């Protein structure tokens, strides 16, 4: 199932019904990249994010990278900006009610859950 399209329409990413992420380009067709699902792609088509992506290195896509925050590995990436320099996701190190953001300048930062979701919140 397609989930996202790169800015010029040349890269489509998603998850296969049988499991695993994929990308599609008119020059390659569907390429299986493993993991659970590819969720987003940068506008320039150079960076794919998702859940447990395990992409084989090639000329276009460099390699898989496990994202580790201050409390350990973070969960799935949900969004990416135009050039892949900012990535955001959910569940910073297993805490289900918060998120995280990765920037090239600051690395990964865990974001607090909204007050109404915190135990003892308003």
C-alpha atoms as a PDB file:
ATOM      1  CA  UNK A   1       0.000   0.000   0.000  1.00  0.00           C
ATOM      2  CA  UNK A   2       1.585   3.328  -1.018  1.00  0.00           C
ATOM      3  CA  UNK A   3       2.104   5.762   1.877  1.00  0.00           C
ATOM      4  CA  UNK A   4       4.045   8.713   0.443  1.00  0.00           C
ATOM      5  CA  UNK A   5       5.376  10.205  -2.787  1.00  0.00           C
ATOM      6  CA  UNK A   6       8.588  12.206  -3.245  1.00  0.00           C
ATOM      7  CA  UNK A   7       8.297  15.796  -4.467  1.00  0.00           C
ATOM      8  CA  UNK A   8       8.713  15.129  -8.171  1.00  0.00           C
ATOM      9  CA  UNK A   9       6.680  11.898  -8.175  1.00  0.00           C
ATOM     10  CA  UNK A  10       9.722   9.784  -9.014  1.00  0.00           C
ATOM     11  CA  UNK A  11       9.804   7.876  -5.686  1.00  0.00           C
ATOM     12  CA  UNK A  12       6.829   6.179  -4.020  1.00  0.00           C
ATOM     13  CA  UNK A  13       7.176   4.372  -0.656  1.00  0.00           C
ATOM     14  CA  UNK A  14       4.893   2.129   1.366  1.00  0.00           C
ATOM     15  CA  UNK A  15       4.299  -1.279   2.857  1.00  0.00           C
ATOM     16  CA  UNK A  16       3.573  -4.595   1.174  1.00  0.00           C
ATOM     17  CA  UNK A  17       0.547  -6.647   2.242  1.00  0.00           C
ATOM     18  CA  UNK A  18       2.878  -9.564   2.930  1.00  0.00           C
ATOM     19  CA  UNK A  19       5.017  -7.322   5.166  1.00  0.00           C
ATOM     20  CA  UNK A  20       8.013  -5.128   4.567  1.00  0.00           C
ATOM     21  CA  UNK A  21       8.694  -1.722   3.157  1.00  0.00           C
ATOM     22  CA  UNK A  22       9.240  -0.855  -0.483  1.00  0.00           C
ATOM     23  CA  UNK A  23      10.125   1.975  -2.773  1.00  0.00           C
ATOM     24  CA  UNK A  24       9.137   2.358  -6.399  1.00  0.00           C
ATOM     25  CA  UNK A  25      10.787   4.405  -9.100  1.00  0.00           C
ATOM     26  CA  UNK A  26       9.946   4.400 -12.803  1.00  0.00           C
ATOM     27  CA  UNK A  27      13.507   3.281 -13.536  1.00  0.00           C
ATOM     28  CA  UNK A  28      13.509   0.348 -11.067  1.00  0.00           C
ATOM     29  CA  UNK A  29       9.935  -0.742 -10.431  1.00  0.00           C
ATOM     30  CA  UNK A  30       9.159  -1.997  -6.905  1.00  0.00           C
ATOM     31  CA  UNK A  31      12.203  -2.622  -4.689  1.00  0.00           C
ATOM     32  CA  UNK A  32      11.698  -4.468  -1.387  1.00  0.00           C
ATOM     33  CA  UNK A  33      13.627  -2.770   1.442  1.00  0.00           C
ATOM     34  CA  UNK A  34      12.584  -4.901   4.414  1.00  0.00           C
ATOM     35  CA  UNK A  35      11.536  -3.712   7.822  1.00  0.00           C
ATOM     36  CA  UNK A  36       7.851  -3.321   8.603  1.00  0.00           C
ATOM     37  CA  UNK A  37       6.838  -0.383   6.413  1.00  0.00           C
ATOM     38  CA  UNK A  38       8.214   2.690   4.658  1.00  0.00           C
ATOM     39  CA  UNK A  39       6.111   5.639   5.842  1.00  0.00           C
ATOM     40  CA  UNK A  40       7.587   8.822   4.370  1.00  0.00           C
ATOM     41  CA  UNK A  41      10.103  10.022   1.805  1.00  0.00           C
ATOM     42  CA  UNK A  42      11.896  13.353   1.568  1.00  0.00           C
ATOM     43  CA  UNK A  43      10.844  15.652  -1.247  1.00  0.00           C
ATOM     44  CA  UNK A  44      14.157  15.086  -3.005  1.00  0.00           C
ATOM     45  CA  UNK A  45      13.594  11.295  -2.821  1.00  0.00           C
ATOM     46  CA  UNK A  46      16.952  10.634  -1.136  1.00  0.00           C
ATOM     47  CA  UNK A  47      15.753   9.640   2.358  1.00  0.00           C
ATOM     48  CA  UNK A  48      13.101   7.069   3.288  1.00  0.00           C
ATOM     49  CA  UNK A  49      11.857   6.632   6.865  1.00  0.00           C
ATOM     50  CA  UNK A  50       9.493   4.218   8.548  1.00  0.00           C
ATOM     51  CA  UNK A  51       9.334   1.326  10.961  1.00  0.00           C
ATOM     52  CA  UNK A  52      12.251  -1.064  11.026  1.00  0.00           C
ATOM     53  CA  UNK A  53      13.444  -0.161   7.556  1.00  0.00           C
ATOM     54  CA  UNK A  54      16.334  -2.347   6.448  1.00  0.00           C
ATOM     55  CA  UNK A  55      17.418  -0.927   3.119  1.00  0.00           C
ATOM     56  CA  UNK A  56      20.285  -2.532   1.215  1.00  0.00           C
ATOM     57  CA  UNK A  57      22.985  -0.022   0.325  1.00  0.00           C
ATOM     58  CA  UNK A  58      23.032   1.071  -3.313  1.00  0.00           C
ATOM     59  CA  UNK A  59      23.965   4.137  -5.320  1.00  0.00           C
ATOM     60  CA  UNK A  60      20.766   6.000  -4.437  1.00  0.00           C
ATOM     61  CA  UNK A  61      19.994   4.918  -0.869  1.00  0.00           C
ATOM     62  CA  UNK A  62      23.013   4.792   1.403  1.00  0.00           C
ATOM     63  CA  UNK A  63      22.117   2.488   4.289  1.00  0.00           C
ATOM     64  CA  UNK A  64      19.882   1.641   7.178  1.00  0.00           C
ATOM     65  CA  UNK A  65      20.390   3.685  10.321  1.00  0.00           C
ATOM     66  CA  UNK A  66      19.038   2.798  13.757  1.00  0.00           C
ATOM     67  CA  UNK A  67      18.034   6.031  15.448  1.00  0.00           C
ATOM     68  CA  UNK A  68      19.040   6.142  19.109  1.00  0.00           C
ATOM     69  CA  UNK A  69      17.803   8.893  21.404  1.00  0.00           C
ATOM     70  CA  UNK A  70      18.938   9.859  24.905  1.00  0.00           C
ATOM     71  CA  UNK A  71      16.954   6.958  26.436  1.00  0.00           C
ATOM     72  CA  UNK A  72      17.764   4.327  23.794  1.00  0.00           C
ATOM     73  CA  UNK A  73      16.375   3.448  20.331  1.00  0.00           C
ATOM     74  CA  UNK A  74      13.343   5.416  19.168  1.00  0.00           C
ATOM     75  CA  UNK A  75      10.318   3.888  17.461  1.00  0.00           C
ATOM     76  CA  UNK A  76       8.874   4.588  14.036  1.00  0.00           C
ATOM     77  CA  UNK A  77       9.597   7.685  12.021  1.00  0.00           C
ATOM     78  CA  UNK A  78       6.398   9.349  10.807  1.00  0.00           C
ATOM     79  CA  UNK A  79       7.473  12.470   8.917  1.00  0.00           C
ATOM     80  CA  UNK A  80      10.441  13.986   7.125  1.00  0.00           C
ATOM     81  CA  UNK A  81      11.182  17.391   5.641  1.00  0.00           C
ATOM     82  CA  UNK A  82      12.161  18.194   2.057  1.00  0.00           C
ATOM     83  CA  UNK A  83      15.839  17.247   2.286  1.00  0.00           C
ATOM     84  CA  UNK A  84      15.840  14.687   5.097  1.00  0.00           C
ATOM     85  CA  UNK A  85      17.506  16.990   7.637  1.00  0.00           C
ATOM     86  CA  UNK A  86      14.527  16.877  10.041  1.00  0.00           C
ATOM     87  CA  UNK A  87      12.723  13.641  10.949  1.00  0.00           C
ATOM     88  CA  UNK A  88       9.918  13.234  13.500  1.00  0.00           C
ATOM     89  CA  UNK A  89       8.353  10.165  15.026  1.00  0.00           C
ATOM     90  CA  UNK A  90       6.474   8.526  17.852  1.00  0.00           C
ATOM     91  CA  UNK A  91       7.456   6.634  20.978  1.00  0.00           C
ATOM     92  CA  UNK A  92      10.801   7.925  22.151  1.00  0.00           C
ATOM     93  CA  UNK A  93      12.485   4.862  23.656  1.00  0.00           C
ATOM     94  CA  UNK A  94       9.289   2.888  24.281  1.00  0.00           C
ATOM     95  CA  UNK A  95       7.308   5.687  25.944  1.00  0.00           C
ATOM     96  CA  UNK A  96       4.082   5.519  23.947  1.00  0.00           C
ATOM     97  CA  UNK A  97       2.698   8.980  24.726  1.00  0.00           C
ATOM     98  CA  UNK A  98       5.541  11.111  23.508  1.00  0.00           C
ATOM     99  CA  UNK A  99       7.363  11.817  20.297  1.00  0.00           C
ATOM    100  CA  UNK A 100      10.826  12.679  19.096  1.00  0.00           C
ATOM    101  CA  UNK A 101      12.489  14.916  16.566  1.00  0.00           C
ATOM    102  CA  UNK A 102      15.865  14.532  14.883  1.00  0.00           C
ATOM    103  CA  UNK A 103      17.699  17.486  13.398  1.00  0.00           C
ATOM    104  CA  UNK A 104      21.134  17.573  11.840  1.00  0.00           C
ATOM    105  CA  UNK A 105      22.104  20.297  14.329  1.00  0.00           C
ATOM    106  CA  UNK A 106      20.782  18.841  17.618  1.00  0.00           C
ATOM    107  CA  UNK A 107      20.447  15.105  17.044  1.00  0.00           C
ATOM    108  CA  UNK A 108      17.445  13.308  18.597  1.00  0.00           C
ATOM    109  CA  UNK A 109      15.346  15.035  21.232  1.00  0.00           C
ATOM    110  CA  UNK A 110      12.490  13.318  23.082  1.00  0.00           C
ATOM    111  CA  UNK A 111       9.402  15.526  23.212  1.00  0.00           C
ATOM    112  CA  UNK A 112       7.124  15.531  26.272  1.00  0.00           C
ATOM    113  CA  UNK A 113       3.591  14.184  26.011  1.00  0.00           C
ATOM    114  CA  UNK A 114       0.816  16.792  26.085  1.00  0.00           C
ATOM    115  CA  UNK A 115      -0.271  17.534  29.681  1.00  0.00           C
ATOM    116  CA  UNK A 116      -3.675  15.855  29.243  1.00  0.00           C
ATOM    117  CA  UNK A 117      -1.929  12.563  28.394  1.00  0.00           C
ATOM    118  CA  UNK A 118       0.521  12.591  31.307  1.00  0.00           C
ATOM    119  CA  UNK A 119      -0.411  10.733  34.479  1.00  0.00           C
ATOM    120  CA  UNK A 120      -1.914  13.289  36.858  1.00  0.00           C
ATOM    121  CA  UNK A 121      -2.412  15.835  34.027  1.00  0.00           C
ATOM    122  CA  UNK A 122      -5.358  18.285  34.038  1.00  0.00           C
END
